[in-house]
Amino acid sequence: MLACKKEEDEAMNPKIIIRNEKHDDVCAITEVTVAAFKTLEISNHTEQFIIEALRAAKAALLQVALAV
């Protein structure tokens, strides 16, 4: 057995919760989006505004919250 291998239950049993976005999530989602695209050269760094506009238009967005 490899020393770095996790136990099967630990590796194959992630705790993932899928739920609707809550008002308190908006700031965190914005921060993650800005950070994710910050160093991407082809980005105009407007992704957070696109998400905000989609949210305001009540467009279909998939929000996923992960809890570990």
N, C-alpha and C. Protein backbone atom coordinates (compact mmCIF):
# COMPACT_ATOMS: atom_id res chain seq x y z
N MET A 1 0.85 -1.18 0.00
CA MET A 1 0.00 0.00 0.00
C MET A 1 0.89 1.24 0.00
N LEU A 2 0.58 2.20 -0.85
CA LEU A 2 1.34 3.44 -0.91
C LEU A 2 1.10 4.27 0.35
N ALA A 3 2.15 4.95 0.80
CA ALA A 3 2.04 5.76 2.01
C ALA A 3 1.09 6.94 1.83
N CYS A 4 0.98 7.45 0.60
CA CYS A 4 0.14 8.62 0.37
C CYS A 4 -1.31 8.26 0.04
N LYS A 5 -1.61 7.00 -0.07
CA LYS A 5 -2.97 6.59 -0.41
C LYS A 5 -3.90 6.76 0.78
N LYS A 6 -5.04 7.40 0.56
CA LYS A 6 -6.03 7.58 1.62
C LYS A 6 -6.86 6.32 1.77
N GLU A 7 -7.43 6.20 2.90
CA GLU A 7 -8.37 5.10 3.12
C GLU A 7 -9.51 5.24 2.12
N GLU A 8 -10.05 4.12 1.67
CA GLU A 8 -11.10 4.15 0.65
C GLU A 8 -12.30 4.98 1.09
N ASP A 9 -12.75 4.82 2.32
CA ASP A 9 -13.90 5.58 2.80
C ASP A 9 -13.62 7.07 2.80
N GLU A 10 -12.42 7.47 3.18
CA GLU A 10 -12.05 8.88 3.25
C GLU A 10 -11.98 9.50 1.85
N ALA A 11 -11.43 8.78 0.89
CA ALA A 11 -11.26 9.31 -0.46
C ALA A 11 -12.56 9.27 -1.27
N MET A 12 -13.41 8.30 -1.02
CA MET A 12 -14.59 8.10 -1.86
C MET A 12 -15.87 8.60 -1.22
N ASN A 13 -15.80 9.29 -0.10
CA ASN A 13 -16.99 9.73 0.58
C ASN A 13 -16.92 11.24 0.88
N PRO A 14 -16.82 12.07 -0.18
CA PRO A 14 -16.77 13.51 0.08
C PRO A 14 -18.12 14.01 0.58
N LYS A 15 -18.09 15.05 1.39
CA LYS A 15 -19.32 15.63 1.90
C LYS A 15 -19.65 16.84 1.04
N ILE A 16 -20.50 16.66 0.07
CA ILE A 16 -20.88 17.73 -0.85
C ILE A 16 -22.36 18.04 -0.64
N ILE A 17 -22.63 19.31 -0.48
CA ILE A 17 -24.00 19.78 -0.32
C ILE A 17 -24.33 20.68 -1.50
N ILE A 18 -25.38 20.36 -2.21
CA ILE A 18 -25.85 21.21 -3.31
C ILE A 18 -27.12 21.90 -2.84
N ARG A 19 -27.10 23.24 -2.91
CA ARG A 19 -28.25 24.01 -2.42
C ARG A 19 -28.38 25.28 -3.22
N ASN A 20 -29.49 25.95 -3.04
CA ASN A 20 -29.70 27.25 -3.68
C ASN A 20 -28.78 28.28 -3.06
N GLU A 21 -28.41 29.25 -3.86
CA GLU A 21 -27.58 30.34 -3.37
C GLU A 21 -28.34 31.12 -2.31
N LYS A 22 -27.62 31.52 -1.27
CA LYS A 22 -28.19 32.36 -0.22
C LYS A 22 -27.59 33.75 -0.35
N HIS A 23 -28.28 34.73 0.19
CA HIS A 23 -27.80 36.12 0.12
C HIS A 23 -26.37 36.24 0.68
N ASP A 24 -26.09 35.51 1.74
CA ASP A 24 -24.76 35.57 2.36
C ASP A 24 -23.66 34.97 1.48
N ASP A 25 -24.02 34.23 0.43
CA ASP A 25 -23.04 33.62 -0.47
C ASP A 25 -22.50 34.59 -1.50
N VAL A 26 -23.24 35.66 -1.78
CA VAL A 26 -22.92 36.55 -2.90
C VAL A 26 -21.50 37.11 -2.80
N CYS A 27 -21.12 37.60 -1.64
CA CYS A 27 -19.79 38.18 -1.46
C CYS A 27 -18.70 37.13 -1.68
N ALA A 28 -18.87 35.96 -1.13
CA ALA A 28 -17.88 34.90 -1.28
C ALA A 28 -17.76 34.46 -2.73
N ILE A 29 -18.89 34.36 -3.43
CA ILE A 29 -18.86 33.98 -4.84
C ILE A 29 -18.12 35.04 -5.66
N THR A 30 -18.36 36.31 -5.35
CA THR A 30 -17.66 37.39 -6.03
C THR A 30 -16.16 37.31 -5.78
N GLU A 31 -15.76 37.09 -4.54
CA GLU A 31 -14.34 36.99 -4.20
C GLU A 31 -13.67 35.82 -4.91
N VAL A 32 -14.32 34.68 -4.95
CA VAL A 32 -13.76 33.51 -5.61
C VAL A 32 -13.65 33.75 -7.12
N THR A 33 -14.67 34.36 -7.69
CA THR A 33 -14.65 34.65 -9.13
C THR A 33 -13.52 35.60 -9.49
N VAL A 34 -13.38 36.68 -8.72
CA VAL A 34 -12.29 37.65 -8.97
C VAL A 34 -10.94 36.95 -8.86
N ALA A 35 -10.75 36.15 -7.82
CA ALA A 35 -9.48 35.46 -7.63
C ALA A 35 -9.20 34.45 -8.74
N ALA A 36 -10.25 33.76 -9.20
CA ALA A 36 -10.08 32.74 -10.22
C ALA A 36 -9.61 33.33 -11.56
N PHE A 37 -10.04 34.53 -11.87
CA PHE A 37 -9.71 35.14 -13.16
C PHE A 37 -8.63 36.22 -13.07
N LYS A 38 -8.13 36.47 -11.87
CA LYS A 38 -7.19 37.57 -11.63
C LYS A 38 -5.95 37.52 -12.52
N THR A 39 -5.37 36.37 -12.70
CA THR A 39 -4.12 36.26 -13.45
C THR A 39 -4.32 35.74 -14.88
N LEU A 40 -5.54 35.57 -15.29
CA LEU A 40 -5.82 35.07 -16.63
C LEU A 40 -5.67 36.20 -17.64
N GLU A 41 -4.69 36.08 -18.52
CA GLU A 41 -4.38 37.16 -19.45
C GLU A 41 -5.52 37.48 -20.42
N ILE A 42 -6.32 36.48 -20.77
CA ILE A 42 -7.40 36.73 -21.74
C ILE A 42 -8.67 37.28 -21.10
N SER A 43 -8.63 37.46 -19.78
CA SER A 43 -9.80 37.97 -19.08
C SER A 43 -9.84 39.49 -19.10
N ASN A 44 -11.03 40.03 -19.23
CA ASN A 44 -11.23 41.47 -19.07
C ASN A 44 -11.55 41.81 -17.62
N HIS A 45 -11.53 40.80 -16.78
CA HIS A 45 -11.80 40.93 -15.34
C HIS A 45 -13.19 41.50 -15.07
N THR A 46 -14.15 41.04 -15.85
CA THR A 46 -15.54 41.47 -15.69
C THR A 46 -16.46 40.30 -15.33
N GLU A 47 -15.88 39.14 -15.08
CA GLU A 47 -16.69 37.95 -14.83
C GLU A 47 -17.64 38.14 -13.66
N GLN A 48 -17.20 38.79 -12.60
CA GLN A 48 -18.07 38.99 -11.43
C GLN A 48 -19.26 39.88 -11.79
N PHE A 49 -19.08 40.81 -12.73
CA PHE A 49 -20.18 41.67 -13.16
C PHE A 49 -21.17 40.91 -14.03
N ILE A 50 -20.66 39.96 -14.80
CA ILE A 50 -21.54 39.11 -15.61
C ILE A 50 -22.42 38.27 -14.69
N ILE A 51 -21.84 37.69 -13.66
CA ILE A 51 -22.61 36.90 -12.70
C ILE A 51 -23.64 37.78 -12.01
N GLU A 52 -23.24 38.98 -11.62
CA GLU A 52 -24.16 39.92 -10.96
C GLU A 52 -25.33 40.27 -11.88
N ALA A 53 -25.05 40.51 -13.16
CA ALA A 53 -26.11 40.85 -14.12
C ALA A 53 -27.06 39.67 -14.33
N LEU A 54 -26.51 38.47 -14.42
CA LEU A 54 -27.35 37.28 -14.56
C LEU A 54 -28.22 37.08 -13.33
N ARG A 55 -27.64 37.32 -12.17
CA ARG A 55 -28.39 37.20 -10.92
C ARG A 55 -29.53 38.23 -10.89
N ALA A 56 -29.23 39.47 -11.27
CA ALA A 56 -30.24 40.54 -11.27
C ALA A 56 -31.36 40.25 -12.26
N ALA A 57 -31.02 39.63 -13.38
CA ALA A 57 -32.01 39.30 -14.40
C ALA A 57 -32.77 38.02 -14.07
N LYS A 58 -32.41 37.43 -12.95
CA LYS A 58 -33.00 36.15 -12.52
C LYS A 58 -32.84 35.08 -13.59
N ALA A 59 -31.70 35.16 -14.28
CA ALA A 59 -31.36 34.16 -15.28
C ALA A 59 -31.00 32.86 -14.56
N ALA A 60 -31.10 31.80 -15.29
CA ALA A 60 -30.77 30.49 -14.69
C ALA A 60 -29.28 30.41 -14.42
N LEU A 61 -28.95 30.29 -13.17
CA LEU A 61 -27.57 30.11 -12.75
C LEU A 61 -27.52 28.85 -11.91
N LEU A 62 -26.44 28.14 -12.04
CA LEU A 62 -26.23 26.97 -11.19
C LEU A 62 -25.28 27.38 -10.08
N GLN A 63 -25.77 27.37 -8.88
CA GLN A 63 -24.93 27.68 -7.73
C GLN A 63 -24.69 26.39 -6.96
N VAL A 64 -23.45 26.15 -6.68
CA VAL A 64 -23.10 24.96 -5.94
C VAL A 64 -22.27 25.38 -4.74
N ALA A 65 -22.68 24.95 -3.59
CA ALA A 65 -21.92 25.22 -2.37
C ALA A 65 -21.29 23.90 -1.93
N LEU A 66 -20.01 23.92 -1.68
CA LEU A 66 -19.31 22.73 -1.24
C LEU A 66 -18.96 22.87 0.24
N ALA A 67 -19.27 21.85 0.98
CA ALA A 67 -18.91 21.83 2.39
C ALA A 67 -18.08 20.60 2.65
N VAL A 68 -16.95 20.80 3.28
CA VAL A 68 -16.06 19.68 3.56
C VAL A 68 -16.01 19.44 5.04
